[in-house]
Amino acid sequence: MRTKDIAEALAGRLDGDGAIEIDRLVHPARAERPSDLALAISADAVAALARSKAQAVVVSAEQPVPSGSFRAVITTGEARFALAKLTALFDHGPACEKGIHPTAIVASDAKLGAGVSIGAYAMVGPRSRIGAGTLVMPQVTIGADVMIGAQGVLHAGVRVGDRTTIGDRVIVHANAVIGSDGFSFAPDLTSVAAFTSDVTLTRIHSLGNVAIGDDVEIGACTTIDRATLESTRIGHGTKIDNHVHIGHNVSIGESCVVCGKVGISGSVTIGDRVRLGGGVGIGDHVRIGDQAVVGAGSGVGSNVQAGAFVSGYPAMPHQRALEQYLYAGRQKRLHEKVEGLAMRLDAMDRTKKK
C-alpha cells in the first residue's frame, strides 16, 4: 500500500513522496525498514520521532513535525479515528486455514455459507446455520439450531449454546461462553426469609436463548446466560470487554460499551448507548436508561435515569459521590477539631467551678 493511498484513506494531507510502499504500521521507536509507517499521534510517540529510522510518518494536526524531516508526512485530524482506520488497514485478521479442517465435526444437516472456514477440532451442531465468510477458529463448539450471520469471527475455544442467534460481523474472542444456563433457583435467592435450615434449592431450567445483533464484539472469557423462557438480548453495535458476566433475561441496547469485569445480574434492562466502567456490579431487575454512564467499580442497586452519570457504592449521582468522598477524607481533621473544642469546654467548666 502506497503512502498516497493511506493519506486518501485517512482523508489526510500528504507532504512528500506518495509512492513509498508500506507494509507495516509501527511505533516510531520500532521503525526499522523503508516500508515501515511510523504512527506518531501521541506526545511520547512524537518525541520518539527524533530518534526514529522511519521514512514515512503519520502525525496529528495538533502535533505536527517540521516539513522536510521525513520522505513522507501524512497529517490527519481526529487522532482516535485515524488510529481506528489505520489499524483496520493493516489488520490481516487471524491466521485460519480456508475450508473445513479434517478434524472438525460438522453435522450433516448444518448449513455453511460461501467461504466459511471451520478450524481444527471445532464442532457445528445439528440444524445450525453459519453465514458467508465467517471464520470459526480451532476448538470452537457450536450447539444445535444456532444461527450465525456473515463475516463474523469466533476465536479459539468459544462455546455457543443451542438456539443462540448471532448477527453479521460479530467478533467473539477466545473462550467466551454464549448461551450457558441462567443462575436461577427456587426459592428466590434474594429472599432472606426463605433460607431456613431445611431449605432445598430447586433448579429453574433455562428454556430460552441468547440473541445477539450485528456488529457486536464480545471479549475473551465473557459469559452470557440464556433466558429462562424468552431471550437474553445484546443490541446492534454493542462492545463487551473481557471477563464480563451477563445474567439470564438481560436486555442490553444498541451501541453500548461494557468494560472489563462488569457483572450484570438477571433481568436487568439497559438502554442504548450506555457506558459501564470496569468492575461495575448491577443488581437484578434494575433498569438503566439511554445514554447513562456508570463509573468504574460502582454498585448499582436501583434504577438509573436516562442520561445520568452515576458512580460509587451504592451508585449515586457522580457529583454527590465526589462530595461524599471529599467529606469522608476530612473526617479525621473534623474529629480532631471536635475533640479540641470538647477539651476547651471541659477546661472552662473546671475553671468556673473553682
Protein backbone atom coordinates (compact mmCIF):
# COMPACT_ATOMS: atom_id res chain seq x y z
CA MET A 1 0.00 0.00 0.00
CA ARG A 2 1.43 3.39 -1.01
CA THR A 3 1.65 6.44 1.21
CA LYS A 4 -0.67 8.21 -1.24
CA ASP A 5 -3.34 5.53 -0.74
CA ILE A 6 -3.02 5.72 3.04
CA ALA A 7 -3.41 9.50 3.02
CA GLU A 8 -6.56 9.19 0.91
CA ALA A 9 -8.00 6.53 3.25
CA LEU A 10 -7.43 8.88 6.20
CA ALA A 11 -8.65 11.95 4.31
CA GLY A 12 -5.35 13.46 5.45
CA ARG A 13 -2.74 15.77 3.92
CA LEU A 14 0.34 14.22 2.33
CA ASP A 15 3.61 16.15 2.25
CA GLY A 16 6.39 14.42 0.30
CA ASP A 17 6.65 11.15 -1.57
CA GLY A 18 3.32 9.41 -2.22
CA ALA A 19 4.85 6.34 -3.87
CA ILE A 20 6.54 4.74 -0.84
CA GLU A 21 5.30 1.17 -0.43
CA ILE A 22 4.19 0.50 3.15
CA ASP A 23 3.63 -2.94 4.67
CA ARG A 24 3.76 -2.33 8.42
CA LEU A 25 2.40 0.16 10.98
CA VAL A 26 4.74 0.71 13.93
CA HIS A 27 5.63 2.97 16.84
CA PRO A 28 8.41 5.39 15.76
CA ALA A 29 10.94 3.65 18.02
CA ARG A 30 10.30 0.32 16.24
CA ALA A 31 10.73 1.54 12.66
CA GLU A 32 13.49 -0.49 11.00
CA ARG A 33 12.93 -0.53 7.25
CA PRO A 34 11.75 1.84 4.50
CA SER A 35 8.38 0.08 4.29
CA ASP A 36 7.54 0.89 7.93
CA LEU A 37 4.97 3.60 8.62
CA ALA A 38 5.57 5.30 11.98
CA LEU A 39 2.44 6.38 13.85
CA ALA A 40 3.02 9.47 15.98
CA ILE A 41 -0.29 10.81 17.28
CA SER A 42 0.60 10.89 20.99
CA ALA A 43 3.12 13.09 22.78
CA ASP A 44 5.53 10.24 23.60
CA ALA A 45 5.43 8.93 20.02
CA VAL A 46 6.14 12.42 18.63
CA ALA A 47 9.12 12.68 21.00
CA ALA A 48 10.42 9.34 19.68
CA LEU A 49 10.45 10.65 16.11
CA ALA A 50 13.75 12.43 16.73
CA ARG A 51 15.49 9.04 17.03
CA SER A 52 13.31 7.10 14.58
CA LYS A 53 14.59 5.39 11.45
CA ALA A 54 11.20 5.85 9.78
CA GLN A 55 10.98 7.47 6.36
CA ALA A 56 7.18 7.83 6.36
CA VAL A 57 5.11 9.00 9.34
CA VAL A 58 1.51 9.75 10.30
CA VAL A 59 1.11 12.69 12.67
CA SER A 60 -1.77 14.56 14.24
CA ALA A 61 -2.59 18.09 13.15
CA GLU A 62 -2.25 19.01 16.84
CA GLN A 63 1.35 17.75 16.98
CA PRO A 64 2.94 18.36 13.56
CA VAL A 65 6.58 17.72 12.65
CA PRO A 66 8.86 20.10 10.74
CA SER A 67 8.48 19.83 6.97
CA GLY A 68 11.35 18.02 5.25
CA SER A 69 12.08 15.85 8.30
CA PHE A 70 10.85 12.67 6.55
CA ARG A 71 10.34 11.49 2.97
CA ALA A 72 6.56 11.41 3.54
CA VAL A 73 4.43 13.00 6.25
CA ILE A 74 0.70 12.27 6.47
CA THR A 75 -1.17 14.72 8.68
CA THR A 76 -4.56 13.66 9.98
CA GLY A 77 -7.31 15.22 12.06
CA GLU A 78 -9.01 13.33 14.90
CA ALA A 79 -6.35 11.00 16.28
CA ARG A 80 -8.60 8.20 17.58
CA PHE A 81 -10.46 7.87 14.28
CA ALA A 82 -7.15 7.84 12.45
CA LEU A 83 -5.96 5.05 14.73
CA ALA A 84 -9.12 3.06 14.02
CA LYS A 85 -8.75 3.43 10.25
CA LEU A 86 -5.03 2.66 10.20
CA THR A 87 -5.27 -0.45 12.37
CA ALA A 88 -8.11 -1.70 10.16
CA LEU A 89 -5.98 -1.16 7.05
CA PHE A 90 -3.08 -3.20 8.45
CA ASP A 91 -5.00 -5.91 10.31
CA HIS A 92 -4.96 -9.07 8.20
CA GLY A 93 -7.19 -10.97 10.64
CA PRO A 94 -6.48 -14.22 12.47
CA ALA A 95 -4.49 -16.94 10.75
CA CYS A 96 -7.04 -19.51 9.65
CA GLU A 97 -6.86 -22.25 7.04
CA LYS A 98 -9.52 -21.96 4.38
CA GLY A 99 -12.30 -24.51 4.26
CA ILE A 100 -13.21 -27.20 6.79
CA HIS A 101 -10.33 -28.79 8.70
CA PRO A 102 -10.30 -32.62 8.51
CA THR A 103 -10.61 -32.89 12.30
CA ALA A 104 -13.70 -30.63 12.50
CA ILE A 105 -17.09 -32.22 13.08
CA VAL A 106 -19.97 -30.62 11.17
CA ALA A 107 -23.46 -32.08 11.48
CA SER A 108 -24.81 -33.44 8.20
CA ASP A 109 -27.81 -31.07 8.30
CA ALA A 110 -25.81 -27.95 9.24
CA LYS A 111 -25.66 -25.27 6.52
CA LEU A 112 -22.47 -23.32 5.82
CA GLY A 113 -22.43 -20.21 3.62
CA ALA A 114 -19.86 -19.48 0.92
CA GLY A 115 -16.32 -19.01 2.22
CA VAL A 116 -16.95 -20.29 5.74
CA SER A 117 -13.86 -21.74 7.41
CA ILE A 118 -14.02 -24.26 10.26
CA GLY A 119 -10.81 -24.81 12.26
CA ALA A 120 -9.27 -27.90 13.79
CA TYR A 121 -11.34 -29.83 16.33
CA ALA A 122 -14.27 -27.44 16.03
CA MET A 123 -17.83 -28.74 16.15
CA VAL A 124 -21.03 -27.49 14.49
CA GLY A 125 -24.25 -28.99 15.80
CA PRO A 126 -27.41 -30.19 14.05
CA ARG A 127 -29.51 -27.75 12.01
CA SER A 128 -27.14 -24.83 12.69
CA ARG A 129 -26.53 -22.14 10.07
CA ILE A 130 -23.34 -20.12 9.53
CA GLY A 131 -23.32 -17.13 7.16
CA ALA A 132 -20.92 -16.45 4.32
CA GLY A 133 -17.30 -15.62 5.13
CA THR A 134 -17.48 -16.36 8.85
CA LEU A 135 -14.33 -17.81 10.45
CA VAL A 136 -14.71 -20.48 13.13
CA MET A 137 -11.32 -20.96 14.76
CA PRO A 138 -10.00 -24.20 16.30
CA GLN A 139 -11.79 -25.93 19.19
CA VAL A 140 -14.97 -23.84 18.89
CA THR A 141 -18.19 -25.62 19.86
CA ILE A 142 -21.46 -24.55 18.22
CA GLY A 143 -24.62 -26.23 19.50
CA ALA A 144 -27.82 -27.24 17.77
CA ASP A 145 -30.17 -24.82 15.95
CA VAL A 146 -27.67 -21.94 16.15
CA MET A 147 -27.89 -19.10 13.64
CA ILE A 148 -24.66 -17.16 12.98
CA GLY A 149 -24.51 -14.33 10.44
CA ALA A 150 -21.98 -13.44 7.77
CA GLN A 151 -18.39 -12.17 8.04
CA GLY A 152 -18.03 -12.99 11.73
CA VAL A 153 -15.10 -14.38 13.71
CA LEU A 154 -15.33 -16.91 16.53
CA HIS A 155 -11.90 -17.23 18.13
CA ALA A 156 -10.46 -20.41 19.62
CA GLY A 157 -12.34 -22.08 22.43
CA VAL A 158 -15.62 -20.18 22.06
CA ARG A 159 -18.72 -22.08 23.21
CA VAL A 160 -22.08 -21.25 21.63
CA GLY A 161 -25.11 -22.91 23.20
CA ASP A 162 -28.19 -24.33 21.49
CA ARG A 163 -30.66 -21.97 19.78
CA THR A 164 -28.36 -18.92 20.04
CA THR A 165 -28.70 -16.33 17.26
CA ILE A 166 -25.75 -14.13 16.32
CA GLY A 167 -25.86 -11.34 13.73
CA ASP A 168 -23.48 -10.28 10.98
CA ARG A 169 -19.86 -9.16 11.53
CA VAL A 170 -19.82 -10.29 15.15
CA ILE A 171 -16.43 -10.93 16.78
CA VAL A 172 -16.30 -13.32 19.74
CA HIS A 173 -12.92 -13.61 21.44
CA ALA A 174 -11.29 -16.70 22.91
CA ASN A 175 -13.07 -18.85 25.48
CA ALA A 176 -16.24 -16.77 25.65
CA VAL A 177 -19.37 -18.75 26.52
CA ILE A 178 -22.67 -17.70 24.95
CA GLY A 179 -25.85 -19.48 25.96
CA SER A 180 -24.98 -21.15 29.26
CA ASP A 181 -27.87 -21.78 31.64
CA GLY A 182 -29.02 -18.97 33.92
CA PHE A 183 -28.31 -18.97 37.67
CA SER A 184 -31.89 -19.36 38.81
CA PHE A 185 -33.34 -21.41 41.67
CA ALA A 186 -36.42 -21.72 43.85
CA PRO A 187 -36.91 -20.28 46.40
CA ASP A 188 -35.83 -16.79 45.39
CA LEU A 189 -32.09 -16.42 46.04
CA THR A 190 -32.61 -12.81 47.15
CA SER A 191 -35.06 -13.76 49.90
CA VAL A 192 -33.51 -13.98 53.38
CA ALA A 193 -36.68 -15.35 54.98
CA ALA A 194 -36.82 -18.32 52.61
CA PHE A 195 -33.36 -19.60 53.60
CA THR A 196 -34.27 -21.73 56.59
CA SER A 197 -32.22 -24.68 57.85
CA ASP A 198 -34.26 -27.17 55.84
CA VAL A 199 -34.23 -25.23 52.55
CA THR A 200 -33.63 -27.13 49.30
CA LEU A 201 -32.61 -25.19 46.19
CA THR A 202 -34.56 -26.38 43.17
CA ARG A 203 -33.15 -25.59 39.75
CA ILE A 204 -35.18 -23.42 37.36
CA HIS A 205 -34.29 -24.60 33.87
CA SER A 206 -33.32 -22.23 31.06
CA LEU A 207 -35.52 -22.85 28.01
CA GLY A 208 -34.85 -19.57 26.20
CA ASN A 209 -31.85 -18.44 24.17
CA VAL A 210 -29.39 -15.60 23.54
CA ALA A 211 -29.97 -13.16 20.64
CA ILE A 212 -27.03 -11.00 19.55
CA GLY A 213 -27.32 -8.22 16.97
CA ASP A 214 -25.00 -7.15 14.16
CA ASP A 215 -21.50 -5.64 14.67
CA VAL A 216 -21.25 -6.77 18.29
CA GLU A 217 -17.85 -7.61 19.83
CA ILE A 218 -17.59 -9.94 22.84
CA GLY A 219 -14.37 -10.16 24.84
CA ALA A 220 -12.36 -13.16 25.94
CA CYS A 221 -13.76 -15.27 28.80
CA THR A 222 -17.04 -13.35 28.84
CA THR A 223 -20.17 -15.34 29.67
CA ILE A 224 -23.73 -14.65 28.56
CA ASP A 225 -26.57 -16.71 30.06
CA ARG A 226 -29.60 -17.81 28.08
CA ALA A 227 -33.03 -16.60 29.19
CA THR A 228 -35.49 -18.65 31.21
CA LEU A 229 -38.25 -18.57 28.58
CA GLU A 230 -37.51 -15.78 26.07
CA SER A 231 -34.17 -14.19 25.00
CA THR A 232 -31.17 -12.58 26.63
CA ARG A 233 -30.53 -9.76 24.14
CA ILE A 234 -27.46 -7.78 23.04
CA GLY A 235 -28.24 -4.91 20.64
CA HIS A 236 -26.52 -3.93 17.39
CA GLY A 237 -23.07 -2.38 17.71
CA THR A 238 -22.57 -3.06 21.42
CA LYS A 239 -18.98 -3.74 22.53
CA ILE A 240 -18.32 -6.01 25.52
CA ASP A 241 -14.87 -6.32 27.12
CA ASN A 242 -13.13 -9.36 28.64
CA HIS A 243 -14.32 -11.18 31.79
CA VAL A 244 -17.85 -9.75 31.72
CA HIS A 245 -20.81 -11.73 33.02
CA ILE A 246 -24.32 -11.10 31.67
CA GLY A 247 -27.09 -12.93 33.50
CA HIS A 248 -30.26 -14.53 32.20
CA ASN A 249 -33.13 -12.42 30.82
CA VAL A 250 -30.88 -9.34 30.45
CA SER A 251 -31.57 -6.89 27.63
CA ILE A 252 -28.74 -4.57 26.50
CA GLY A 253 -29.48 -1.93 23.88
CA GLU A 254 -27.55 -0.71 20.85
CA SER A 255 -24.04 0.81 20.76
CA CYS A 256 -23.35 0.23 24.45
CA VAL A 257 -19.82 -0.10 25.92
CA VAL A 258 -19.38 -2.64 28.72
CA CYS A 259 -15.86 -2.62 30.20
CA GLY A 260 -13.96 -5.49 31.80
CA LYS A 261 -15.16 -7.42 34.86
CA VAL A 262 -18.67 -5.98 34.79
CA GLY A 263 -21.27 -8.23 36.38
CA ILE A 264 -24.90 -7.84 35.28
CA SER A 265 -27.49 -9.75 37.30
CA GLY A 266 -30.57 -11.38 35.85
CA SER A 267 -33.47 -9.48 34.28
CA VAL A 268 -31.59 -6.17 34.00
CA THR A 269 -32.69 -3.80 31.21
CA ILE A 270 -30.06 -1.46 29.74
CA GLY A 271 -30.91 1.20 27.14
CA ASP A 272 -28.98 2.38 24.08
CA ARG A 273 -25.50 3.98 24.14
CA VAL A 274 -24.96 3.20 27.83
CA ARG A 275 -21.37 3.08 29.17
CA LEU A 276 -20.46 0.81 32.08
CA GLY A 277 -16.97 1.30 33.56
CA GLY A 278 -14.75 -1.58 34.63
CA GLY A 279 -15.83 -3.65 37.61
CA VAL A 280 -19.40 -2.33 37.77
CA GLY A 281 -21.91 -4.60 39.50
CA ILE A 282 -25.63 -4.32 38.71
CA GLY A 283 -28.35 -5.86 40.89
CA ASP A 284 -31.20 -7.87 39.41
CA HIS A 285 -34.25 -6.28 37.76
CA VAL A 286 -32.57 -2.83 37.59
CA ARG A 287 -33.31 -0.54 34.62
CA ILE A 288 -30.64 1.79 33.18
CA GLY A 289 -31.83 4.46 30.75
CA ASP A 290 -30.40 5.51 27.39
CA GLN A 291 -27.00 7.23 27.36
CA ALA A 292 -26.41 6.75 31.08
CA VAL A 293 -22.83 6.40 32.36
CA VAL A 294 -21.84 4.27 35.34
CA GLY A 295 -18.37 4.94 36.77
CA ALA A 296 -15.85 2.15 37.31
CA GLY A 297 -16.26 0.00 40.41
CA SER A 298 -19.80 1.20 41.12
CA GLY A 299 -22.54 -0.93 42.60
CA VAL A 300 -25.93 -0.26 41.00
CA GLY A 301 -28.85 -1.37 43.14
CA SER A 302 -31.62 0.89 41.85
CA ASN A 303 -32.79 2.31 38.53
CA VAL A 304 -30.64 4.86 36.69
CA GLN A 305 -32.35 7.59 34.70
CA ALA A 306 -31.55 8.23 31.03
CA GLY A 307 -28.52 10.49 30.58
CA ALA A 308 -27.43 10.22 34.21
CA PHE A 309 -23.80 9.86 35.34
CA VAL A 310 -23.61 7.78 38.50
CA SER A 311 -20.73 6.33 40.50
CA GLY A 312 -19.89 4.94 43.91
CA TYR A 313 -21.06 2.10 46.10
CA PRO A 314 -24.01 2.28 46.16
CA ALA A 315 -24.16 4.22 42.90
CA MET A 316 -25.48 7.78 43.16
CA PRO A 317 -25.18 10.94 41.06
CA HIS A 318 -21.47 11.35 40.35
CA GLN A 319 -21.15 14.85 41.84
CA ARG A 320 -22.78 13.70 45.05
CA ALA A 321 -20.44 10.71 45.21
CA LEU A 322 -17.44 13.01 44.83
CA GLU A 323 -18.74 15.20 47.67
CA GLN A 324 -19.11 12.16 49.91
CA TYR A 325 -15.56 11.00 49.18
CA LEU A 326 -14.29 14.54 49.80
CA TYR A 327 -16.06 14.91 53.15
CA ALA A 328 -15.08 11.40 54.23
CA GLY A 329 -11.46 12.38 53.69
CA ARG A 330 -11.94 15.32 56.06
CA GLN A 331 -13.43 13.21 58.86
CA LYS A 332 -10.21 12.79 60.83
CA ARG A 333 -9.47 16.51 60.87
CA LEU A 334 -13.08 17.28 61.83
CA HIS A 335 -12.97 14.81 64.74
CA GLU A 336 -9.70 16.33 65.93
CA LYS A 337 -11.32 19.78 65.95
CA VAL A 338 -14.36 18.48 67.85
CA GLU A 339 -12.13 16.79 70.42
CA GLY A 340 -10.16 20.01 70.80
CA LEU A 341 -13.36 22.01 71.39
CA ALA A 342 -14.55 19.44 73.93
CA MET A 343 -11.29 19.69 75.86
CA ARG A 344 -11.52 23.50 75.93
CA LEU A 345 -15.12 23.36 77.19
CA ASP A 346 -14.13 20.90 79.91
CA ALA A 347 -11.31 23.21 80.95
CA MET A 348 -13.71 26.19 81.09
CA ASP A 349 -16.17 24.18 83.25
CA ARG A 350 -13.43 23.27 85.69
CA THR A 351 -12.33 26.92 85.93
CA LYS A 352 -15.89 28.09 86.68
CA LYS A 353 -16.28 25.50 89.47
CA LYS A 354 -13.17 26.79 91.17
